[in-house]
């Protein structure tokens, strides 16, 4: 894997977003751009882990445990999710 999660734990950048959980999903506002983000239940599992910081392997394991998905598929989903957040400048 390459990218922000390849070298260790990543976490949401403090103060980058204001967010709330609504019916198991995350609704967030990027403080810098004022853009809204809607994150589904799968992403919400990752989002909560990123509050404290987690490695890509830990994030993938959460998906495997919660949704009973294949580990390779979980890791691909994690990589894509983390890359999207990183491209928006939301990760520390």
N, C-alpha and C. Protein backbone atom coordinates (compact mmCIF):
# COMPACT_ATOMS: atom_id res chain seq x y z
N UNK A 1 0.84 -1.17 0.00
CA UNK A 1 0.00 0.00 0.00
C UNK A 1 0.88 1.23 0.00
N UNK A 2 0.44 2.26 -0.66
CA UNK A 2 1.12 3.54 -0.60
C UNK A 2 0.14 4.56 -0.09
N UNK A 3 0.64 5.71 0.31
CA UNK A 3 -0.26 6.75 0.77
C UNK A 3 -0.14 6.98 2.25
N UNK A 4 -1.05 7.78 2.81
CA UNK A 4 -0.92 8.22 4.18
C UNK A 4 -1.01 7.14 5.23
N UNK A 5 -1.69 6.05 4.97
CA UNK A 5 -1.85 5.03 6.01
C UNK A 5 -0.77 3.96 5.93
N UNK A 6 0.12 4.04 4.94
CA UNK A 6 1.09 2.97 4.76
C UNK A 6 2.17 2.96 5.83
N UNK A 7 2.46 4.10 6.42
CA UNK A 7 3.59 4.16 7.34
C UNK A 7 3.20 4.14 8.81
N UNK A 8 1.95 3.98 9.12
CA UNK A 8 1.54 3.93 10.51
C UNK A 8 0.13 4.46 10.68
N UNK A 9 -0.14 4.89 11.89
CA UNK A 9 -1.49 5.34 12.21
C UNK A 9 -1.78 6.69 11.58
N UNK A 10 -3.00 6.84 11.16
CA UNK A 10 -3.51 8.12 10.66
C UNK A 10 -4.71 8.48 11.52
N UNK A 11 -5.02 9.76 11.55
CA UNK A 11 -6.18 10.20 12.31
C UNK A 11 -6.75 11.45 11.66
N UNK A 12 -7.99 11.73 12.02
CA UNK A 12 -8.61 12.96 11.54
C UNK A 12 -7.82 14.14 12.09
N UNK A 13 -7.64 15.14 11.25
CA UNK A 13 -6.90 16.33 11.67
C UNK A 13 -7.79 17.14 12.60
N UNK A 14 -7.34 17.37 13.82
CA UNK A 14 -8.16 18.13 14.78
C UNK A 14 -8.58 19.47 14.20
N UNK A 15 -9.85 19.77 14.33
CA UNK A 15 -10.38 21.04 13.85
C UNK A 15 -10.66 21.10 12.36
N UNK A 16 -10.40 20.03 11.63
CA UNK A 16 -10.61 20.04 10.18
C UNK A 16 -12.07 19.92 9.80
N UNK A 17 -12.84 19.22 10.63
CA UNK A 17 -14.25 19.00 10.32
C UNK A 17 -15.11 19.12 11.58
N UNK A 18 -16.31 19.54 11.36
CA UNK A 18 -17.35 19.46 12.38
C UNK A 18 -18.27 18.36 11.90
N UNK A 19 -18.64 17.44 12.79
CA UNK A 19 -19.45 16.31 12.33
C UNK A 19 -20.39 15.81 13.41
N UNK A 20 -21.39 15.09 12.94
CA UNK A 20 -22.36 14.44 13.82
C UNK A 20 -22.72 13.09 13.21
N UNK A 21 -23.04 12.16 14.09
CA UNK A 21 -23.55 10.87 13.63
C UNK A 21 -25.06 10.95 13.63
N UNK A 22 -25.66 10.59 12.51
CA UNK A 22 -27.11 10.62 12.35
C UNK A 22 -27.55 9.27 11.80
N UNK A 23 -28.29 8.53 12.61
CA UNK A 23 -28.81 7.22 12.20
C UNK A 23 -27.71 6.31 11.65
N UNK A 24 -26.57 6.29 12.31
CA UNK A 24 -25.48 5.39 11.93
C UNK A 24 -24.59 5.90 10.82
N UNK A 25 -24.90 7.05 10.25
CA UNK A 25 -24.07 7.65 9.21
C UNK A 25 -23.46 8.93 9.74
N UNK A 26 -22.43 9.41 9.06
CA UNK A 26 -21.75 10.63 9.47
C UNK A 26 -22.10 11.75 8.51
N UNK A 27 -22.45 12.89 9.07
CA UNK A 27 -22.64 14.11 8.31
C UNK A 27 -21.58 15.08 8.82
N UNK A 28 -20.71 15.53 7.92
CA UNK A 28 -19.58 16.36 8.33
C UNK A 28 -19.48 17.59 7.43
N UNK A 29 -18.89 18.63 7.98
CA UNK A 29 -18.60 19.84 7.21
C UNK A 29 -17.11 20.10 7.30
N UNK A 30 -16.48 20.20 6.14
CA UNK A 30 -15.07 20.56 6.06
C UNK A 30 -14.98 22.03 6.46
N UNK A 31 -14.31 22.32 7.55
CA UNK A 31 -14.25 23.67 8.09
C UNK A 31 -13.59 24.64 7.10
N UNK A 32 -12.58 24.19 6.39
CA UNK A 32 -11.84 25.06 5.48
C UNK A 32 -12.65 25.41 4.23
N UNK A 33 -13.35 24.43 3.66
CA UNK A 33 -14.03 24.65 2.38
C UNK A 33 -15.54 24.83 2.53
N UNK A 34 -16.07 24.54 3.70
CA UNK A 34 -17.52 24.55 3.97
C UNK A 34 -18.28 23.52 3.14
N UNK A 35 -17.60 22.50 2.66
CA UNK A 35 -18.24 21.43 1.91
C UNK A 35 -18.78 20.38 2.88
N UNK A 36 -19.96 19.86 2.53
CA UNK A 36 -20.56 18.79 3.32
C UNK A 36 -20.04 17.45 2.85
N UNK A 37 -19.89 16.54 3.79
CA UNK A 37 -19.54 15.16 3.47
C UNK A 37 -20.61 14.28 4.09
N UNK A 38 -21.11 13.35 3.31
CA UNK A 38 -22.05 12.35 3.80
C UNK A 38 -21.33 11.01 3.74
N UNK A 39 -21.21 10.37 4.89
CA UNK A 39 -20.44 9.13 4.99
C UNK A 39 -21.37 8.03 5.45
N UNK A 40 -21.43 6.96 4.65
CA UNK A 40 -22.35 5.86 4.94
C UNK A 40 -21.93 5.07 6.18
N UNK A 41 -22.69 4.05 6.50
CA UNK A 41 -22.44 3.25 7.72
C UNK A 41 -21.07 2.59 7.71
N UNK A 42 -20.63 2.13 6.56
CA UNK A 42 -19.31 1.51 6.47
C UNK A 42 -18.24 2.54 6.78
N UNK A 43 -18.33 3.69 6.14
CA UNK A 43 -17.38 4.76 6.38
C UNK A 43 -17.44 5.26 7.82
N UNK A 44 -18.63 5.23 8.42
CA UNK A 44 -18.79 5.69 9.80
C UNK A 44 -17.97 4.84 10.76
N UNK A 45 -17.88 3.54 10.49
CA UNK A 45 -17.06 2.65 11.32
C UNK A 45 -15.60 3.10 11.25
N UNK A 46 -15.14 3.44 10.07
CA UNK A 46 -13.77 3.90 9.89
C UNK A 46 -13.57 5.28 10.50
N UNK A 47 -14.53 6.15 10.30
CA UNK A 47 -14.46 7.53 10.79
C UNK A 47 -14.24 7.56 12.31
N UNK A 48 -15.03 6.78 13.01
CA UNK A 48 -14.90 6.75 14.47
C UNK A 48 -13.52 6.26 14.89
N UNK A 49 -12.97 5.30 14.18
CA UNK A 49 -11.62 4.80 14.50
C UNK A 49 -10.57 5.86 14.19
N UNK A 50 -10.81 6.66 13.17
CA UNK A 50 -9.84 7.69 12.80
C UNK A 50 -9.81 8.86 13.78
N UNK A 51 -10.82 8.97 14.61
CA UNK A 51 -10.79 10.01 15.63
C UNK A 51 -9.58 9.85 16.54
N UNK A 52 -9.33 8.64 16.97
CA UNK A 52 -8.23 8.36 17.90
C UNK A 52 -6.95 8.01 17.16
N UNK A 53 -7.06 7.60 15.92
CA UNK A 53 -5.92 7.18 15.13
C UNK A 53 -5.91 5.67 14.98
N UNK A 54 -5.61 5.22 13.79
CA UNK A 54 -5.59 3.78 13.51
C UNK A 54 -4.74 3.54 12.26
N UNK A 55 -4.17 2.35 12.20
CA UNK A 55 -3.44 1.96 10.99
C UNK A 55 -4.44 1.42 9.97
N UNK A 56 -4.00 1.31 8.75
CA UNK A 56 -4.86 0.76 7.70
C UNK A 56 -5.26 -0.68 8.03
N UNK A 57 -4.34 -1.45 8.61
CA UNK A 57 -4.66 -2.83 8.99
C UNK A 57 -5.74 -2.85 10.08
N UNK A 58 -5.64 -1.95 11.05
CA UNK A 58 -6.66 -1.89 12.10
C UNK A 58 -8.02 -1.49 11.53
N UNK A 59 -8.02 -0.55 10.60
CA UNK A 59 -9.27 -0.13 9.97
C UNK A 59 -9.89 -1.27 9.18
N UNK A 60 -9.07 -1.98 8.42
CA UNK A 60 -9.57 -3.12 7.64
C UNK A 60 -10.15 -4.19 8.56
N UNK A 61 -9.47 -4.43 9.67
CA UNK A 61 -9.96 -5.43 10.62
C UNK A 61 -11.33 -5.05 11.17
N UNK A 62 -11.56 -3.77 11.39
CA UNK A 62 -12.88 -3.32 11.86
C UNK A 62 -13.96 -3.66 10.84
N UNK A 63 -13.64 -3.47 9.55
CA UNK A 63 -14.63 -3.79 8.51
C UNK A 63 -14.89 -5.29 8.44
N UNK A 64 -13.82 -6.08 8.54
CA UNK A 64 -13.97 -7.53 8.51
C UNK A 64 -14.85 -7.99 9.68
N UNK A 65 -14.56 -7.48 10.86
CA UNK A 65 -15.33 -7.87 12.06
C UNK A 65 -16.78 -7.41 11.98
N UNK A 66 -16.99 -6.21 11.53
CA UNK A 66 -18.34 -5.63 11.55
C UNK A 66 -19.22 -6.11 10.40
N UNK A 67 -18.64 -6.25 9.21
CA UNK A 67 -19.45 -6.53 8.03
C UNK A 67 -19.17 -7.88 7.40
N UNK A 68 -18.26 -8.67 7.98
CA UNK A 68 -17.95 -10.00 7.47
C UNK A 68 -17.58 -9.96 5.99
N UNK A 69 -16.68 -9.05 5.64
CA UNK A 69 -16.18 -8.96 4.28
C UNK A 69 -14.80 -9.59 4.20
N UNK A 70 -14.39 -9.93 3.00
CA UNK A 70 -13.06 -10.50 2.78
C UNK A 70 -12.01 -9.46 3.09
N UNK A 71 -10.92 -9.88 3.70
CA UNK A 71 -9.88 -8.96 4.16
C UNK A 71 -9.31 -8.11 3.03
N UNK A 72 -9.08 -8.69 1.87
CA UNK A 72 -8.54 -7.93 0.74
C UNK A 72 -9.49 -6.83 0.29
N UNK A 73 -10.77 -7.15 0.25
CA UNK A 73 -11.77 -6.14 -0.13
C UNK A 73 -11.85 -5.04 0.92
N UNK A 74 -11.77 -5.43 2.19
CA UNK A 74 -11.80 -4.44 3.27
C UNK A 74 -10.60 -3.50 3.15
N UNK A 75 -9.44 -4.06 2.87
CA UNK A 75 -8.23 -3.22 2.76
C UNK A 75 -8.33 -2.26 1.59
N UNK A 76 -8.87 -2.72 0.47
CA UNK A 76 -9.04 -1.83 -0.69
C UNK A 76 -9.99 -0.69 -0.34
N UNK A 77 -11.08 -1.01 0.36
CA UNK A 77 -12.03 0.03 0.77
C UNK A 77 -11.37 1.03 1.71
N UNK A 78 -10.58 0.54 2.65
CA UNK A 78 -9.87 1.41 3.59
C UNK A 78 -8.91 2.32 2.83
N UNK A 79 -8.14 1.75 1.93
CA UNK A 79 -7.17 2.54 1.17
C UNK A 79 -7.87 3.67 0.41
N UNK A 80 -9.00 3.36 -0.21
CA UNK A 80 -9.74 4.36 -0.98
C UNK A 80 -10.31 5.44 -0.05
N UNK A 81 -10.88 5.04 1.07
CA UNK A 81 -11.47 5.98 2.02
C UNK A 81 -10.40 6.92 2.59
N UNK A 82 -9.27 6.34 3.01
CA UNK A 82 -8.18 7.13 3.58
C UNK A 82 -7.61 8.08 2.52
N UNK A 83 -7.45 7.60 1.30
CA UNK A 83 -6.92 8.46 0.23
C UNK A 83 -7.86 9.64 -0.04
N UNK A 84 -9.16 9.39 0.00
CA UNK A 84 -10.13 10.47 -0.22
C UNK A 84 -10.03 11.52 0.89
N UNK A 85 -9.97 11.06 2.14
CA UNK A 85 -9.84 12.01 3.25
C UNK A 85 -8.52 12.77 3.18
N UNK A 86 -7.45 12.08 2.82
CA UNK A 86 -6.15 12.72 2.71
C UNK A 86 -6.14 13.78 1.61
N UNK A 87 -6.79 13.47 0.48
CA UNK A 87 -6.83 14.42 -0.63
C UNK A 87 -7.59 15.69 -0.26
N UNK A 88 -8.48 15.59 0.71
CA UNK A 88 -9.24 16.76 1.19
C UNK A 88 -8.51 17.47 2.34
N UNK A 89 -7.37 16.94 2.76
CA UNK A 89 -6.60 17.55 3.84
C UNK A 89 -7.22 17.33 5.21
N UNK A 90 -7.95 16.24 5.38
CA UNK A 90 -8.64 16.00 6.63
C UNK A 90 -7.91 15.07 7.59
N UNK A 91 -6.75 14.58 7.18
CA UNK A 91 -5.98 13.67 8.04
C UNK A 91 -4.73 14.33 8.56
N UNK A 92 -4.37 13.97 9.79
CA UNK A 92 -3.12 14.49 10.39
C UNK A 92 -1.98 13.59 10.01
